[in-house]
Amino acid sequence: FYFRNKHRPFLLFISLLHVHTPLITTEKFQGRSRHGLYGDNVEEMDWMVGMLLDVIEKEGLKNNTFIYFASDHGGFLEARRGNAQLGGWNGIYKGGKGMGGWEGGIRVPGIIRWPGVLPAGAVIDELTSLMDIFPTVVDLVGGAVPKDRVIDGHTLLPLLQGKVRDSMHEFMFHYCGVFLHAVRWHQKNSGTIWKAHYATPVFQPEASGACFGRGICPCFGDGVTHHDPPLLFDLSQDPSEENPLSADTE
């Protein structure tokens, strides 16, 4: 691929099977990590990404190649074998994969590399979306997004280059399948980030934070609880979504 395209613009999209059940890990990486099979899978993925970056560097493409590494969802909490967690871990954030609006299912890191253009080691604590990839790529090649329809994403370049401080997403809508479960509002003038949950999964067991009884949380039916008024959280103060605010006091 590189030898055919290194002298002209190219887009390389790789959707890795790694850190996704059933954790198919080659023999070379089995038993390498102290974090079990999931850790082995992470190490193999790391090696694969490293091989790609090495080729880009050897071909002299490092300083004019924009690289974006991310995931489409948080850890899959229900994926277990005995007591071993096979689906990742979401830190302080509640919930996981397939849970509509909980932070653990939708908040993932994005790692970006573009030497010579973007500063190394910078941390941007602003919410963006995988929907932003399309307009970012269009921006990179000097194009324009279609004007005859609504494009939900925004180019990331002004944010990454420090030309703007805030994400262009004032509101984010969090769906589970075709059902709207939560809405996030970044109140720019105060910096506060609010999130309202209209539906949340019914955890099984109740205090487990996951749907172990079903294997994964459903999006509708008796597997969700509808909230009227919605559960409201101030993510600026409560990123773990532990303390819903009272409609009487807020």
Protein backbone atom coordinates (compact mmCIF):
# COMPACT_ATOMS: atom_id res chain seq x y z
CA PHE A 1 0.00 0.00 0.00
CA TYR A 2 2.68 2.51 1.02
CA PHE A 3 4.88 1.81 -1.96
CA ARG A 4 1.96 2.41 -4.34
CA ASN A 5 0.76 5.58 -2.62
CA LYS A 6 3.67 7.23 -0.81
CA HIS A 7 4.13 9.88 -3.51
CA ARG A 8 0.50 11.02 -3.44
CA PRO A 9 -2.19 11.67 -0.81
CA PHE A 10 -3.64 8.52 0.72
CA LEU A 11 -6.16 7.49 3.35
CA LEU A 12 -5.40 4.32 5.31
CA PHE A 13 -8.23 3.10 7.53
CA ILE A 14 -7.53 0.15 9.82
CA SER A 15 -10.25 -1.30 12.03
CA LEU A 16 -8.41 -3.47 14.53
CA LEU A 17 -10.03 -6.63 15.84
CA HIS A 18 -7.94 -6.31 18.99
CA VAL A 19 -9.26 -5.49 22.50
CA HIS A 20 -12.60 -6.80 21.27
CA THR A 21 -14.04 -10.14 22.27
CA PRO A 22 -13.23 -12.97 21.73
CA LEU A 23 -9.66 -11.59 22.14
CA ILE A 24 -7.95 -13.57 19.40
CA THR A 25 -4.29 -13.28 20.39
CA THR A 26 -1.49 -14.91 18.40
CA GLU A 27 0.80 -17.37 20.15
CA LYS A 28 3.68 -14.88 20.14
CA PHE A 29 1.79 -12.57 22.52
CA GLN A 30 0.00 -15.08 24.74
CA GLY A 31 1.14 -14.83 28.34
CA ARG A 32 3.17 -11.66 27.76
CA SER A 33 1.13 -9.35 29.96
CA ARG A 34 0.56 -9.46 33.71
CA HIS A 35 -3.00 -8.34 32.92
CA GLY A 36 -4.03 -11.66 31.41
CA LEU A 37 -5.49 -12.31 27.97
CA TYR A 38 -6.84 -8.77 27.63
CA GLY A 39 -3.39 -7.37 28.39
CA ASP A 40 -1.85 -9.75 25.83
CA ASN A 41 -4.33 -8.42 23.27
CA VAL A 42 -3.40 -4.81 24.11
CA GLU A 43 0.31 -5.62 23.71
CA GLU A 44 -0.26 -7.22 20.32
CA MET A 45 -2.30 -4.23 19.17
CA ASP A 46 0.46 -1.92 20.39
CA TRP A 47 3.01 -3.91 18.36
CA MET A 48 0.82 -3.70 15.23
CA VAL A 49 0.41 0.07 15.55
CA GLY A 50 4.16 0.37 16.12
CA MET A 51 4.89 -1.55 12.92
CA LEU A 52 2.68 0.85 10.96
CA LEU A 53 4.33 3.91 12.48
CA ASP A 54 7.78 2.45 11.69
CA VAL A 55 6.89 2.11 8.00
CA ILE A 56 5.55 5.67 7.88
CA GLU A 57 8.80 6.92 9.42
CA LYS A 58 11.07 4.83 7.15
CA GLU A 59 9.26 6.10 4.07
CA GLY A 60 9.83 9.71 5.14
CA LEU A 61 6.12 10.35 5.64
CA LYS A 62 6.12 11.10 9.37
CA ASN A 63 5.86 14.88 9.17
CA ASN A 64 3.06 14.96 6.62
CA THR A 65 0.88 12.13 7.87
CA PHE A 66 -2.02 12.86 10.22
CA ILE A 67 -2.68 9.84 12.47
CA TYR A 68 -5.82 9.44 14.58
CA PHE A 69 -6.22 6.49 16.96
CA ALA A 70 -9.45 5.96 18.89
CA SER A 71 -12.18 3.49 19.81
CA ASP A 72 -15.90 3.51 19.05
CA HIS A 73 -16.96 2.61 22.60
CA GLY A 74 -15.74 2.02 26.13
CA GLY A 75 -14.93 -1.29 27.76
CA PHE A 76 -17.34 -4.24 27.46
CA LEU A 77 -18.02 -4.91 31.15
CA GLU A 78 -20.07 -8.07 30.69
CA ALA A 79 -17.29 -9.87 28.79
CA ARG A 80 -15.88 -12.27 31.39
CA ARG A 81 -14.41 -15.72 31.70
CA GLY A 82 -14.86 -16.81 35.30
CA ASN A 83 -13.49 -13.89 37.34
CA ALA A 84 -11.32 -12.61 34.47
CA GLN A 85 -12.47 -9.34 32.88
CA LEU A 86 -12.08 -9.77 29.12
CA GLY A 87 -13.65 -6.53 27.95
CA GLY A 88 -11.56 -3.71 29.37
CA TRP A 89 -12.02 -1.28 32.23
CA ASN A 90 -13.53 2.21 32.29
CA GLY A 91 -11.91 3.75 35.36
CA ILE A 92 -14.06 6.19 37.28
CA TYR A 93 -16.74 6.31 34.59
CA LYS A 94 -20.06 4.51 35.04
CA GLY A 95 -21.23 1.93 32.53
CA GLY A 96 -19.70 0.47 29.42
CA LYS A 97 -20.30 -0.72 25.88
CA GLY A 98 -23.90 -0.68 24.66
CA MET A 99 -25.25 1.40 27.56
CA GLY A 100 -26.61 4.40 25.69
CA GLY A 101 -25.53 7.45 27.60
CA TRP A 102 -23.33 6.45 30.56
CA GLU A 103 -19.83 7.92 30.34
CA GLY A 104 -18.09 4.54 30.54
CA GLY A 105 -19.65 3.52 27.26
CA ILE A 106 -19.04 6.69 25.25
CA ARG A 107 -16.00 8.46 26.72
CA VAL A 108 -12.88 7.15 24.97
CA PRO A 109 -9.46 8.71 24.39
CA GLY A 110 -8.37 10.01 21.02
CA ILE A 111 -4.64 9.96 20.31
CA ILE A 112 -3.41 12.14 17.46
CA ARG A 113 0.07 12.43 15.93
CA TRP A 114 1.28 14.89 13.31
CA PRO A 115 4.94 15.80 13.98
CA GLY A 116 6.01 19.24 12.86
CA VAL A 117 2.42 20.51 12.84
CA LEU A 118 0.86 19.56 16.18
CA PRO A 119 2.82 19.89 19.44
CA ALA A 120 3.83 16.64 21.13
CA GLY A 121 2.46 15.85 24.58
CA ALA A 122 -0.45 18.30 24.44
CA VAL A 123 -3.66 17.32 26.26
CA ILE A 124 -7.00 18.72 25.09
CA ASP A 125 -9.86 18.10 27.48
CA GLU A 126 -12.67 18.85 25.06
CA LEU A 127 -15.36 16.51 23.78
CA THR A 128 -15.15 15.57 20.13
CA SER A 129 -16.76 12.78 18.13
CA LEU A 130 -15.88 10.10 15.60
CA MET A 131 -18.32 12.03 13.40
CA ASP A 132 -15.55 14.65 13.23
CA ILE A 133 -13.24 12.38 11.22
CA PHE A 134 -15.01 13.01 7.91
CA PRO A 135 -14.90 16.85 7.99
CA THR A 136 -11.34 16.72 9.37
CA VAL A 137 -10.16 14.62 6.43
CA VAL A 138 -12.00 16.95 4.02
CA ASP A 139 -10.27 19.92 5.68
CA LEU A 140 -6.85 18.23 5.47
CA VAL A 141 -7.12 17.83 1.68
CA GLY A 142 -8.41 21.36 1.16
CA GLY A 143 -11.96 20.41 0.32
CA ALA A 144 -15.35 21.55 1.56
CA VAL A 145 -18.07 19.45 3.19
CA PRO A 146 -21.40 19.24 1.32
CA LYS A 147 -23.69 22.24 1.81
CA ASP A 148 -26.90 20.51 0.73
CA ARG A 149 -27.29 18.53 3.98
CA VAL A 150 -26.55 18.79 7.68
CA ILE A 151 -23.11 17.40 8.58
CA ASP A 152 -23.02 16.54 12.28
CA GLY A 153 -19.22 16.48 12.57
CA HIS A 154 -16.76 19.39 12.67
CA THR A 155 -13.16 19.63 11.58
CA LEU A 156 -10.78 19.05 14.48
CA LEU A 157 -7.92 21.11 13.04
CA PRO A 158 -8.70 24.49 14.70
CA LEU A 159 -8.97 22.78 18.11
CA LEU A 160 -5.80 20.73 17.61
CA GLN A 161 -3.82 23.72 16.37
CA GLY A 162 -4.93 25.91 19.28
CA LYS A 163 -6.85 28.34 17.10
CA VAL A 164 -9.97 27.75 19.20
CA ARG A 165 -10.24 26.63 22.83
CA ASP A 166 -13.65 24.95 22.82
CA SER A 167 -15.04 22.01 20.91
CA MET A 168 -17.50 23.07 18.23
CA HIS A 169 -20.04 20.62 19.72
CA GLU A 170 -22.27 22.59 22.08
CA PHE A 171 -24.69 19.66 22.27
CA MET A 172 -24.00 15.94 21.91
CA PHE A 173 -26.79 13.39 21.50
CA HIS A 174 -26.13 9.90 22.80
CA TYR A 175 -28.12 7.10 21.22
CA CYS A 176 -28.49 3.41 21.98
CA GLY A 177 -29.43 1.94 18.62
CA VAL A 178 -32.12 4.30 17.28
CA PHE A 179 -33.23 5.42 20.74
CA LEU A 180 -32.06 8.71 22.28
CA HIS A 181 -30.84 7.95 25.80
CA ALA A 182 -28.97 11.10 26.83
CA VAL A 183 -28.06 14.65 25.80
CA ARG A 184 -24.95 16.60 26.83
CA TRP A 185 -24.75 20.38 26.88
CA HIS A 186 -21.46 22.26 27.20
CA GLN A 187 -22.53 25.59 28.68
CA LYS A 188 -19.73 27.69 27.20
CA ASN A 189 -20.14 30.83 29.30
CA SER A 190 -19.72 28.91 32.57
CA GLY A 191 -17.68 25.94 31.39
CA THR A 192 -20.20 23.61 33.01
CA ILE A 193 -21.07 20.36 31.23
CA TRP A 194 -24.59 19.09 31.90
CA LYS A 195 -26.00 15.72 30.89
CA ALA A 196 -29.61 14.59 30.96
CA HIS A 197 -30.48 10.89 30.84
CA TYR A 198 -33.91 10.05 29.41
CA ALA A 199 -33.38 6.29 29.58
CA THR A 200 -30.84 4.14 31.39
CA PRO A 201 -30.23 0.37 31.32
CA VAL A 202 -31.52 -1.81 34.13
CA PHE A 203 -28.40 -3.32 35.69
CA GLN A 204 -28.43 -7.02 36.55
CA PRO A 205 -27.64 -7.47 39.39
CA GLU A 206 -28.90 -4.02 40.37
CA ALA A 207 -25.69 -2.77 42.03
CA SER A 208 -23.30 -4.33 39.50
CA GLY A 209 -23.10 -1.42 37.05
CA ALA A 210 -23.57 -3.83 34.13
CA CYS A 211 -26.11 -6.21 32.58
CA PHE A 212 -24.52 -9.53 33.47
CA GLY A 213 -27.91 -11.27 33.39
CA ARG A 214 -28.37 -10.40 29.70
CA GLY A 215 -24.78 -10.44 28.45
CA ILE A 216 -25.07 -6.82 27.25
CA CYS A 217 -27.50 -4.01 28.05
CA PRO A 218 -30.51 -3.59 25.73
CA CYS A 219 -31.63 -0.28 24.25
CA PHE A 220 -35.38 -0.54 24.82
CA GLY A 221 -38.20 -2.54 26.36
CA ASP A 222 -38.09 -3.91 29.88
CA GLY A 223 -34.29 -3.63 29.87
CA VAL A 224 -34.33 0.15 30.30
CA THR A 225 -35.81 2.63 32.77
CA HIS A 226 -37.34 5.84 31.38
CA HIS A 227 -36.88 9.01 33.43
CA ASP A 228 -39.40 11.86 33.53
CA PRO A 229 -38.01 14.29 34.49
CA PRO A 230 -34.67 13.08 33.17
CA LEU A 231 -31.72 12.31 35.44
CA LEU A 232 -29.53 15.41 35.41
CA PHE A 233 -25.78 15.42 36.16
CA ASP A 234 -23.16 18.16 36.33
CA LEU A 235 -20.27 16.29 34.70
CA SER A 236 -17.91 19.13 35.62
CA GLN A 237 -18.32 18.22 39.29
CA ASP A 238 -19.53 14.62 39.03
CA PRO A 239 -17.82 12.84 36.10
CA SER A 240 -18.73 9.44 37.61
CA GLU A 241 -22.44 10.29 37.38
CA GLU A 242 -23.08 9.19 40.94
CA ASN A 243 -25.28 12.04 42.19
CA PRO A 244 -28.26 13.08 40.04
CA LEU A 245 -29.32 16.64 40.76
CA SER A 246 -32.72 17.43 42.19
CA ALA A 247 -35.15 19.28 39.94
CA ASP A 248 -36.27 21.14 43.07
CA THR A 249 -32.85 22.68 43.72
CA GLU A 250 -31.27 23.09 40.27
